[in-house]
Amino acid sequence: MWDRWRSAIHHHWVIKIKTDSGEEERYHDEPETFPGSVKFADYAQQQLKELYLPQVPFDRKNDLADLWIAMEDDRRVWYRDLEAAASPGSDEYVQALTEWGRISRGVFEPKEIRETWTELHETTPSGAPIQGQYHLKISFEWNGAPQTIEFDTPDEWINLEALEAVNKFIRNSGTQLYVYVSFDQCAYIVSLSAQEKLALENERGWKFAGLTWVG
């Protein structure tokens, strides 16, 4: 289903309109011109929930059926396509950290989140410029002090190095944000204690991945 969205991935808003041939989605960056528009990230997440996971056969031998049920608890689960409009001015990481804080069960509540993109002028061995490479700095307040997360990253994708950094901040809390093993280009993230993670692995067959960038 992502093929029909790929050409419009940089647009931030979606509106459904009636046409002579039926209903279609229109992607744009002028929400004030199209009342009723929703942010692309929110729309994509809704489509994933309505179109993808419900197609998974409800079979207790299929561990994805568990994910379909658990995703109903949006206080503990974050499920989203990592291909996003992440770029200077997009605030995609502001949204991601805010949402990861929401599912963290109170152990990570960042405030005043800001992201700063600095383009990296890298070249190939032949000297050709490499486009879309940045140094990203995410700054925020947490536990009463200013904090930062920094890493190099391409644009267009949410880099899970940011999540790995969040987990380092909360490593002594008893809760971590675990990533289910990849089954598409999305990330399925759930907040768990070590005991809860072990129980899901042993009793329900859940499989968790290391926090490795998959873009």
Protein backbone atom coordinates (compact mmCIF):
# COMPACT_ATOMS: atom_id res chain seq x y z
CA MET A 1 0.00 0.00 0.00
CA TRP A 2 2.97 2.30 0.47
CA ASP A 3 3.70 2.38 -3.26
CA ARG A 4 0.82 4.79 -3.87
CA TRP A 5 2.11 7.10 -1.13
CA ARG A 6 5.81 6.99 -1.98
CA SER A 7 5.76 9.88 -4.46
CA ALA A 8 4.05 12.10 -1.88
CA ILE A 9 6.05 11.09 1.17
CA HIS A 10 7.40 14.61 1.71
CA HIS A 11 3.96 16.17 1.96
CA HIS A 12 2.75 16.70 5.47
CA TRP A 13 -1.04 16.64 5.07
CA VAL A 14 -3.73 14.41 3.55
CA ILE A 15 -7.33 15.15 2.60
CA LYS A 16 -9.88 12.75 1.14
CA ILE A 17 -11.90 14.27 -1.69
CA LYS A 18 -14.79 13.12 -3.87
CA THR A 19 -14.09 12.78 -7.58
CA ASP A 20 -16.07 11.55 -10.56
CA SER A 21 -14.40 8.17 -10.19
CA GLY A 22 -14.90 7.92 -6.44
CA GLU A 23 -12.92 8.94 -3.38
CA GLU A 24 -9.21 9.67 -3.50
CA GLU A 25 -6.48 10.98 -1.24
CA ARG A 26 -4.82 14.31 -1.99
CA TYR A 27 -1.43 15.07 -0.48
CA HIS A 28 -0.49 18.69 0.11
CA ASP A 29 1.31 21.16 2.35
CA GLU A 30 -1.44 23.76 2.70
CA PRO A 31 -3.77 22.66 5.52
CA GLU A 32 -5.37 26.09 5.66
CA THR A 33 -6.55 25.63 2.06
CA PHE A 34 -8.01 22.17 2.66
CA PRO A 35 -10.17 22.10 5.81
CA GLY A 36 -10.40 18.65 7.36
CA SER A 37 -6.85 17.65 6.44
CA VAL A 38 -4.85 15.42 8.78
CA LYS A 39 -1.10 15.14 9.23
CA PHE A 40 0.43 12.54 6.97
CA ALA A 41 2.00 10.66 9.90
CA ASP A 42 -1.34 10.38 11.70
CA TYR A 43 -3.12 9.36 8.50
CA ALA A 44 -0.48 6.74 7.70
CA GLN A 45 -0.71 5.28 11.19
CA GLN A 46 -4.49 5.07 10.85
CA GLN A 47 -4.17 3.33 7.49
CA LEU A 48 -1.70 0.84 8.91
CA LYS A 49 -4.08 0.06 11.75
CA GLU A 50 -7.11 -0.29 9.50
CA LEU A 51 -5.58 -1.91 6.43
CA TYR A 52 -2.54 -3.94 7.45
CA LEU A 53 -2.73 -5.58 10.85
CA PRO A 54 -6.46 -6.50 10.56
CA GLN A 55 -5.48 -8.67 7.57
CA VAL A 56 -3.30 -10.83 9.82
CA PRO A 57 -5.18 -14.11 10.42
CA PHE A 58 -6.25 -14.38 14.03
CA ASP A 59 -4.28 -17.51 14.83
CA ARG A 60 -2.63 -17.93 18.22
CA LYS A 61 0.25 -19.62 16.39
CA ASN A 62 0.83 -16.38 14.48
CA ASP A 63 2.62 -13.98 16.82
CA LEU A 64 1.51 -10.99 14.75
CA ALA A 65 -2.04 -11.60 15.99
CA ASP A 66 -0.78 -10.69 19.45
CA LEU A 67 0.58 -7.44 18.08
CA TRP A 68 -2.77 -6.60 16.53
CA ILE A 69 -4.43 -6.91 19.92
CA ALA A 70 -1.69 -5.17 21.91
CA MET A 71 -1.67 -2.21 19.53
CA GLU A 72 -5.08 -1.19 20.84
CA ASP A 73 -3.27 0.07 23.95
CA ASP A 74 -1.73 3.25 22.55
CA ARG A 75 -0.41 4.06 26.03
CA ARG A 76 2.11 1.24 25.67
CA VAL A 77 2.55 0.63 21.94
CA TRP A 78 3.92 2.80 19.11
CA TYR A 79 3.49 1.43 15.57
CA ARG A 80 4.50 3.61 12.67
CA ASP A 81 6.17 3.52 9.27
CA LEU A 82 9.78 4.67 9.61
CA GLU A 83 9.72 6.18 6.14
CA ALA A 84 8.60 9.70 6.94
CA ALA A 85 9.03 13.30 5.94
CA ALA A 86 11.95 13.65 8.36
CA SER A 87 13.91 16.66 7.18
CA PRO A 88 14.84 20.17 8.32
CA GLY A 89 11.73 21.89 9.65
CA SER A 90 9.60 18.73 9.70
CA ASP A 91 9.62 18.19 13.50
CA GLU A 92 9.24 14.46 12.89
CA TYR A 93 11.57 13.70 15.79
CA VAL A 94 9.75 16.17 18.02
CA GLN A 95 6.61 14.15 17.39
CA ALA A 96 8.41 10.81 17.80
CA LEU A 97 9.98 11.72 21.16
CA THR A 98 6.66 13.11 22.37
CA GLU A 99 4.92 9.86 21.43
CA TRP A 100 7.67 7.68 22.90
CA GLY A 101 7.28 9.66 26.09
CA ARG A 102 3.56 8.94 26.04
CA ILE A 103 4.12 5.18 25.94
CA SER A 104 7.01 5.19 28.45
CA ARG A 105 4.71 4.76 31.47
CA GLY A 106 5.87 8.05 32.94
CA VAL A 107 9.62 7.43 32.96
CA PHE A 108 10.42 9.70 29.99
CA GLU A 109 8.60 13.01 29.73
CA PRO A 110 10.66 15.39 27.57
CA LYS A 111 9.65 19.03 27.29
CA GLU A 112 10.55 21.85 24.91
CA ILE A 113 11.79 19.43 22.25
CA ARG A 114 13.66 20.95 19.32
CA GLU A 115 15.50 19.45 16.40
CA THR A 116 18.39 21.05 14.53
CA TRP A 117 19.58 19.70 11.18
CA THR A 118 23.04 20.48 9.80
CA GLU A 119 23.78 19.26 6.29
CA LEU A 120 26.89 17.14 5.90
CA HIS A 121 28.85 17.89 2.77
CA GLU A 122 30.10 14.37 2.16
CA THR A 123 31.32 12.98 -1.14
CA THR A 124 31.75 9.58 -2.76
CA PRO A 125 35.29 8.27 -3.45
CA SER A 126 34.99 9.80 -6.91
CA GLY A 127 34.20 13.21 -5.42
CA ALA A 128 30.48 13.32 -6.23
CA PRO A 129 28.36 14.98 -3.52
CA ILE A 130 26.17 12.76 -1.34
CA GLN A 131 22.76 14.34 -0.88
CA GLY A 132 20.46 14.04 2.10
CA GLN A 133 23.03 13.41 4.84
CA TYR A 134 22.72 15.43 8.05
CA HIS A 135 23.93 15.80 11.59
CA LEU A 136 20.82 15.88 13.76
CA LYS A 137 20.72 17.44 17.22
CA ILE A 138 17.60 16.91 19.32
CA SER A 139 17.48 19.09 22.42
CA PHE A 140 14.94 18.94 25.21
CA GLU A 141 14.39 19.34 28.93
CA TRP A 142 14.10 16.23 31.04
CA ASN A 143 14.47 15.65 34.78
CA GLY A 144 14.88 19.39 35.26
CA ALA A 145 17.96 19.71 33.05
CA PRO A 146 18.75 20.35 29.37
CA GLN A 147 19.55 17.19 27.40
CA THR A 148 20.64 16.42 23.85
CA ILE A 149 20.67 13.51 21.44
CA GLU A 150 23.00 13.75 18.44
CA PHE A 151 23.80 11.48 15.51
CA ASP A 152 24.37 11.53 11.76
CA THR A 153 21.45 10.39 9.67
CA PRO A 154 19.87 10.50 6.22
CA ASP A 155 16.63 12.37 5.83
CA GLU A 156 13.24 10.82 4.97
CA TRP A 157 13.50 8.07 7.63
CA ILE A 158 13.07 8.08 11.38
CA ASN A 159 16.40 6.82 12.66
CA LEU A 160 16.05 4.50 15.64
CA GLU A 161 19.36 5.73 17.01
CA ALA A 162 17.12 8.32 18.66
CA LEU A 163 15.20 5.54 20.43
CA GLU A 164 18.43 3.88 21.52
CA ALA A 165 19.48 7.18 23.10
CA VAL A 166 16.12 7.49 24.89
CA ASN A 167 16.60 4.02 26.34
CA LYS A 168 19.99 5.06 27.68
CA PHE A 169 18.34 7.98 29.48
CA ILE A 170 15.80 5.68 31.16
CA ARG A 171 18.03 2.62 31.67
CA ASN A 172 17.70 2.82 35.47
CA SER A 173 13.91 3.19 35.47
CA GLY A 174 13.04 -0.49 35.14
CA THR A 175 11.32 0.17 31.79
CA GLN A 176 12.71 0.12 28.26
CA LEU A 177 11.20 0.76 24.84
CA TYR A 178 11.66 -2.51 22.99
CA VAL A 179 11.40 -2.96 19.22
CA TYR A 180 9.70 -6.03 17.82
CA VAL A 181 11.72 -7.75 15.08
CA SER A 182 11.12 -6.10 11.73
CA PHE A 183 8.32 -7.56 9.60
CA ASP A 184 8.00 -4.55 7.27
CA GLN A 185 9.43 -1.03 7.11
CA CYS A 186 7.54 -0.01 10.23
CA ALA A 187 8.64 -0.08 13.85
CA TYR A 188 6.51 -1.74 16.51
CA ILE A 189 7.69 -0.39 19.86
CA VAL A 190 6.35 -1.36 23.27
CA SER A 191 7.32 -0.27 26.79
CA LEU A 192 8.13 -3.22 29.03
CA SER A 193 9.98 -4.19 32.14
CA ALA A 194 12.63 -6.88 31.78
CA GLN A 195 10.26 -9.36 33.42
CA GLU A 196 7.41 -8.49 31.04
CA LYS A 197 9.71 -8.84 28.04
CA LEU A 198 10.89 -12.26 29.21
CA ALA A 199 7.31 -13.42 29.76
CA LEU A 200 6.23 -12.33 26.28
CA GLU A 201 9.21 -14.11 24.76
CA ASN A 202 8.74 -17.34 26.71
CA GLU A 203 4.96 -17.53 26.92
CA ARG A 204 3.81 -15.81 23.71
CA GLY A 205 6.80 -16.25 21.41
CA TRP A 206 7.44 -12.55 20.88
CA LYS A 207 10.73 -11.68 19.18
CA PHE A 208 12.56 -8.46 19.92
CA ALA A 209 15.30 -6.82 17.89
CA GLY A 210 18.37 -4.92 18.82
CA LEU A 211 18.06 -1.19 18.28
CA THR A 212 19.80 -1.15 14.93
CA TRP A 213 19.12 1.40 12.20
CA VAL A 214 17.19 -0.34 9.41
CA GLY A 215 16.82 2.45 6.85
